[in-house]
């Protein structure tokens, strides 16, 4: 089941080494991505504008809402 993109409004990557992930804040005070990677606050991250393209293929799959089935 795909999650609406609005659920992951932020964009980030691990300091130049990762694709761009769809990110959201979680109740414990940290952040996680649509592909379930935990963004550890102890490590550096590059925060990007919210309209930045998502390049993580797993985040794209999780945030793409499909309107029908593929035949």
Protein backbone atom coordinates (compact mmCIF):
# COMPACT_ATOMS: atom_id res chain seq x y z
CA UNK A 1 0.00 0.00 0.00
CA UNK A 2 1.41 3.36 -1.00
CA UNK A 3 1.47 6.22 1.46
CA UNK A 4 0.35 9.67 0.33
CA UNK A 5 3.33 11.96 -0.37
CA UNK A 6 1.95 14.47 2.16
CA UNK A 7 2.89 11.96 4.89
CA UNK A 8 6.57 12.51 4.02
CA UNK A 9 6.89 16.26 3.33
CA UNK A 10 10.63 16.65 4.01
CA UNK A 11 13.62 15.78 1.82
CA UNK A 12 17.06 14.70 3.03
CA UNK A 13 20.07 12.56 2.28
CA UNK A 14 23.08 11.40 4.23
CA UNK A 15 25.73 14.07 3.53
CA UNK A 16 26.19 13.52 -0.18
CA UNK A 17 26.32 9.72 -0.11
CA UNK A 18 22.67 8.77 -0.43
CA UNK A 19 19.86 9.32 -2.85
CA UNK A 20 17.27 11.89 -1.80
CA UNK A 21 14.74 10.36 0.60
CA UNK A 22 11.18 11.32 1.47
CA UNK A 23 11.26 12.07 5.21
CA UNK A 24 8.86 12.73 8.06
CA UNK A 25 9.21 13.62 11.72
CA UNK A 26 8.16 10.92 14.15
CA UNK A 27 6.88 11.15 17.70
CA UNK A 28 10.17 10.11 19.33
CA UNK A 29 11.79 13.31 18.09
CA UNK A 30 13.70 11.89 15.17
CA UNK A 31 13.00 11.40 11.49
CA UNK A 32 12.46 8.40 9.28
CA UNK A 33 12.13 7.91 5.57
CA UNK A 34 9.42 6.32 3.46
CA UNK A 35 11.81 3.39 2.87
CA UNK A 36 12.10 2.98 6.66
CA UNK A 37 15.63 4.29 7.13
CA UNK A 38 16.07 6.02 10.48
CA UNK A 39 17.86 9.36 10.16
CA UNK A 40 20.12 9.33 13.20
CA UNK A 41 20.51 12.87 14.55
CA UNK A 42 24.12 12.06 15.51
CA UNK A 43 25.09 11.80 11.83
CA UNK A 44 25.20 14.65 9.37
CA UNK A 45 22.36 14.99 6.91
CA UNK A 46 21.80 17.31 4.05
CA UNK A 47 18.30 18.77 4.31
CA UNK A 48 16.86 19.78 0.97
CA UNK A 49 13.90 21.93 -0.10
CA UNK A 50 10.54 20.13 0.11
CA UNK A 51 10.07 20.28 -3.64
CA UNK A 52 13.36 18.43 -4.31
CA UNK A 53 12.94 15.31 -6.42
CA UNK A 54 12.95 12.02 -4.52
CA UNK A 55 15.66 9.77 -5.98
CA UNK A 56 15.48 6.80 -3.60
CA UNK A 57 13.63 4.13 -5.59
CA UNK A 58 12.14 2.61 -2.43
CA UNK A 59 10.85 5.97 -1.19
CA UNK A 60 9.35 6.61 -4.63
CA UNK A 61 7.53 3.25 -4.49
CA UNK A 62 6.20 3.97 -1.00
CA UNK A 63 4.92 7.46 -1.82
CA UNK A 64 3.50 6.85 -5.29
CA UNK A 65 -0.25 6.54 -5.06
CA UNK A 66 -1.64 4.24 -7.70
CA UNK A 67 -5.17 4.74 -8.98
CA UNK A 68 -5.67 1.33 -10.50
CA UNK A 69 -4.20 -2.06 -11.13
CA UNK A 70 -1.76 -2.85 -13.88
CA UNK A 71 -3.35 -5.31 -16.33
